Amino acid sequence: MALAWVAGQPGITAPILGVTNPHHLTDAIAAFDLELSSAEQVQLTEHHTPRFAAGVYRSRTEAAPKTPS
């Protein structure tokens, strides 16, 4: 479900997968066929805090995401 949510986010074109067992790859591939309902998307998104990845360059004009208080 988490991978299906990540893959459905704007700007995500190819989630990076890391697997240690063949069944992990099978499960990950199956996630791309999973369609989350609008309610599921909202429920998962409300618990997500966007952050820039460490070491990622961002332009001076791009605002950093707000951090929770």
N, C-alpha and C. Protein backbone atom coordinates (compact mmCIF):
# COMPACT_ATOMS: atom_id res chain seq x y z
N MET A 1 0.83 -1.17 0.00
CA MET A 1 0.00 0.00 0.00
C MET A 1 0.88 1.25 0.00
N ALA A 2 1.95 1.24 0.78
CA ALA A 2 2.84 2.40 0.84
C ALA A 2 3.46 2.69 -0.52
N LEU A 3 3.89 1.65 -1.21
CA LEU A 3 4.50 1.84 -2.53
C LEU A 3 3.47 2.36 -3.53
N ALA A 4 2.25 1.88 -3.45
CA ALA A 4 1.19 2.37 -4.33
C ALA A 4 0.94 3.85 -4.06
N TRP A 5 0.99 4.27 -2.79
CA TRP A 5 0.79 5.68 -2.44
C TRP A 5 1.95 6.52 -2.98
N VAL A 6 3.18 6.07 -2.77
CA VAL A 6 4.35 6.82 -3.25
C VAL A 6 4.30 6.97 -4.77
N ALA A 7 3.99 5.89 -5.46
CA ALA A 7 3.96 5.93 -6.92
C ALA A 7 2.88 6.88 -7.44
N GLY A 8 1.85 7.12 -6.65
CA GLY A 8 0.77 8.02 -7.07
C GLY A 8 0.99 9.48 -6.74
N GLN A 9 2.12 9.81 -6.12
CA GLN A 9 2.37 11.19 -5.75
C GLN A 9 2.87 11.99 -6.94
N PRO A 10 2.47 13.28 -7.02
CA PRO A 10 2.94 14.12 -8.13
C PRO A 10 4.47 14.21 -8.13
N GLY A 11 5.04 14.13 -9.29
CA GLY A 11 6.48 14.26 -9.43
C GLY A 11 7.25 12.96 -9.25
N ILE A 12 6.58 11.91 -8.83
CA ILE A 12 7.23 10.62 -8.67
C ILE A 12 7.03 9.85 -9.97
N THR A 13 8.12 9.58 -10.66
CA THR A 13 8.01 8.84 -11.92
C THR A 13 8.51 7.41 -11.80
N ALA A 14 9.40 7.16 -10.85
CA ALA A 14 9.94 5.81 -10.68
C ALA A 14 10.45 5.65 -9.25
N PRO A 15 9.63 5.11 -8.36
CA PRO A 15 10.12 4.86 -7.01
C PRO A 15 11.31 3.91 -7.04
N ILE A 16 12.27 4.16 -6.18
CA ILE A 16 13.45 3.30 -6.12
C ILE A 16 13.17 2.16 -5.14
N LEU A 17 13.36 0.95 -5.61
CA LEU A 17 13.08 -0.23 -4.81
C LEU A 17 14.38 -0.89 -4.38
N GLY A 18 14.36 -1.44 -3.20
CA GLY A 18 15.46 -2.27 -2.73
C GLY A 18 14.86 -3.55 -2.18
N VAL A 19 15.28 -4.67 -2.71
CA VAL A 19 14.72 -5.94 -2.27
C VAL A 19 15.84 -6.87 -1.84
N THR A 20 15.52 -7.72 -0.87
CA THR A 20 16.49 -8.70 -0.41
C THR A 20 16.02 -10.12 -0.70
N ASN A 21 14.77 -10.28 -1.05
CA ASN A 21 14.21 -11.60 -1.37
C ASN A 21 13.37 -11.48 -2.63
N PRO A 22 13.31 -12.53 -3.44
CA PRO A 22 12.50 -12.47 -4.66
C PRO A 22 11.04 -12.12 -4.42
N HIS A 23 10.46 -12.56 -3.30
CA HIS A 23 9.05 -12.24 -3.07
C HIS A 23 8.85 -10.76 -2.77
N HIS A 24 9.88 -10.07 -2.30
CA HIS A 24 9.77 -8.62 -2.11
C HIS A 24 9.59 -7.93 -3.47
N LEU A 25 10.31 -8.39 -4.47
CA LEU A 25 10.18 -7.81 -5.80
C LEU A 25 8.79 -8.08 -6.37
N THR A 26 8.29 -9.29 -6.17
CA THR A 26 6.94 -9.64 -6.63
C THR A 26 5.90 -8.74 -5.97
N ASP A 27 6.04 -8.52 -4.66
CA ASP A 27 5.11 -7.65 -3.93
C ASP A 27 5.20 -6.21 -4.43
N ALA A 28 6.43 -5.74 -4.68
CA ALA A 28 6.62 -4.36 -5.15
C ALA A 28 5.98 -4.16 -6.52
N ILE A 29 6.18 -5.10 -7.40
CA ILE A 29 5.59 -5.00 -8.74
C ILE A 29 4.06 -5.00 -8.65
N ALA A 30 3.52 -5.81 -7.76
CA ALA A 30 2.06 -5.88 -7.59
C ALA A 30 1.49 -4.56 -7.10
N ALA A 31 2.28 -3.78 -6.38
CA ALA A 31 1.81 -2.49 -5.86
C ALA A 31 1.42 -1.53 -6.98
N PHE A 32 2.04 -1.67 -8.14
CA PHE A 32 1.73 -0.77 -9.24
C PHE A 32 0.36 -1.06 -9.86
N ASP A 33 -0.21 -2.21 -9.55
CA ASP A 33 -1.56 -2.53 -10.02
C ASP A 33 -2.61 -2.15 -8.98
N LEU A 34 -2.18 -1.73 -7.81
CA LEU A 34 -3.10 -1.37 -6.74
C LEU A 34 -3.56 0.07 -6.93
N GLU A 35 -4.85 0.28 -6.98
CA GLU A 35 -5.40 1.63 -7.10
C GLU A 35 -6.05 2.01 -5.78
N LEU A 36 -5.51 3.03 -5.15
CA LEU A 36 -6.06 3.49 -3.87
C LEU A 36 -7.27 4.37 -4.11
N SER A 37 -8.27 4.23 -3.25
CA SER A 37 -9.45 5.09 -3.35
C SER A 37 -9.07 6.50 -2.92
N SER A 38 -9.92 7.45 -3.22
CA SER A 38 -9.68 8.83 -2.80
C SER A 38 -9.58 8.92 -1.28
N ALA A 39 -10.43 8.18 -0.58
CA ALA A 39 -10.41 8.20 0.88
C ALA A 39 -9.09 7.63 1.42
N GLU A 40 -8.59 6.57 0.79
CA GLU A 40 -7.31 6.00 1.22
C GLU A 40 -6.17 6.97 0.96
N GLN A 41 -6.20 7.64 -0.20
CA GLN A 41 -5.17 8.63 -0.52
C GLN A 41 -5.15 9.74 0.52
N VAL A 42 -6.33 10.25 0.87
CA VAL A 42 -6.43 11.33 1.86
C VAL A 42 -5.92 10.85 3.21
N GLN A 43 -6.33 9.67 3.62
CA GLN A 43 -5.93 9.14 4.92
C GLN A 43 -4.42 8.97 5.01
N LEU A 44 -3.80 8.49 3.97
CA LEU A 44 -2.35 8.31 3.97
C LEU A 44 -1.62 9.65 3.87
N THR A 45 -2.13 10.55 3.05
CA THR A 45 -1.47 11.83 2.84
C THR A 45 -1.50 12.71 4.08
N GLU A 46 -2.55 12.63 4.87
CA GLU A 46 -2.65 13.51 6.05
C GLU A 46 -1.59 13.18 7.10
N HIS A 47 -0.96 12.04 7.00
CA HIS A 47 0.09 11.66 7.95
C HIS A 47 1.50 11.85 7.37
N HIS A 48 1.58 12.46 6.20
CA HIS A 48 2.87 12.62 5.51
C HIS A 48 3.37 14.05 5.67
N THR A 49 4.62 14.20 6.05
CA THR A 49 5.27 15.51 6.12
C THR A 49 6.35 15.56 5.06
N PRO A 50 6.16 16.37 4.00
CA PRO A 50 7.17 16.43 2.94
C PRO A 50 8.50 16.97 3.47
N ARG A 51 9.58 16.37 3.03
CA ARG A 51 10.93 16.82 3.40
C ARG A 51 11.83 16.65 2.19
N PHE A 52 12.84 17.51 2.09
CA PHE A 52 13.83 17.33 1.05
C PHE A 52 14.79 16.24 1.49
N ALA A 53 15.23 15.44 0.54
CA ALA A 53 16.20 14.39 0.86
C ALA A 53 17.54 15.04 1.19
N ALA A 54 18.28 14.43 2.08
CA ALA A 54 19.60 14.93 2.47
C ALA A 54 20.50 14.98 1.25
N GLY A 55 21.19 16.10 1.10
CA GLY A 55 22.13 16.24 0.00
C GLY A 55 21.52 16.67 -1.31
N VAL A 56 20.22 16.85 -1.36
CA VAL A 56 19.58 17.26 -2.61
C VAL A 56 19.69 18.77 -2.74
N TYR A 57 20.20 19.22 -3.88
CA TYR A 57 20.33 20.64 -4.14
C TYR A 57 18.95 21.22 -4.42
N ARG A 58 18.66 22.36 -3.83
CA ARG A 58 17.41 23.03 -4.17
C ARG A 58 17.75 24.48 -4.49
N SER A 59 17.02 25.03 -5.42
CA SER A 59 17.28 26.40 -5.84
C SER A 59 16.93 27.37 -4.73
N ARG A 60 17.49 28.55 -4.80
CA ARG A 60 17.23 29.56 -3.77
C ARG A 60 15.79 30.05 -3.82
N THR A 61 15.14 29.90 -4.95
CA THR A 61 13.77 30.38 -5.07
C THR A 61 12.75 29.36 -4.58
N GLU A 62 13.20 28.14 -4.40
CA GLU A 62 12.29 27.08 -3.95
C GLU A 62 12.21 27.08 -2.44
N ALA A 63 11.01 27.21 -1.93
CA ALA A 63 10.82 27.26 -0.48
C ALA A 63 11.00 25.89 0.13
N ALA A 64 11.63 25.86 1.27
CA ALA A 64 11.77 24.60 2.00
C ALA A 64 10.42 24.23 2.61
N PRO A 65 10.14 22.95 2.74
CA PRO A 65 8.85 22.56 3.34
C PRO A 65 8.78 23.00 4.79
N LYS A 66 7.59 23.29 5.22
CA LYS A 66 7.39 23.71 6.61
C LYS A 66 7.60 22.50 7.52
N THR A 67 8.28 22.74 8.64
CA THR A 67 8.49 21.67 9.61
C THR A 67 7.43 21.78 10.67
N PRO A 68 6.96 20.62 11.18
CA PRO A 68 5.93 20.66 12.23
C PRO A 68 6.46 21.30 13.50
N SER A 69 5.58 21.98 14.22
CA SER A 69 5.98 22.64 15.46
C SER A 69 5.98 21.67 16.61
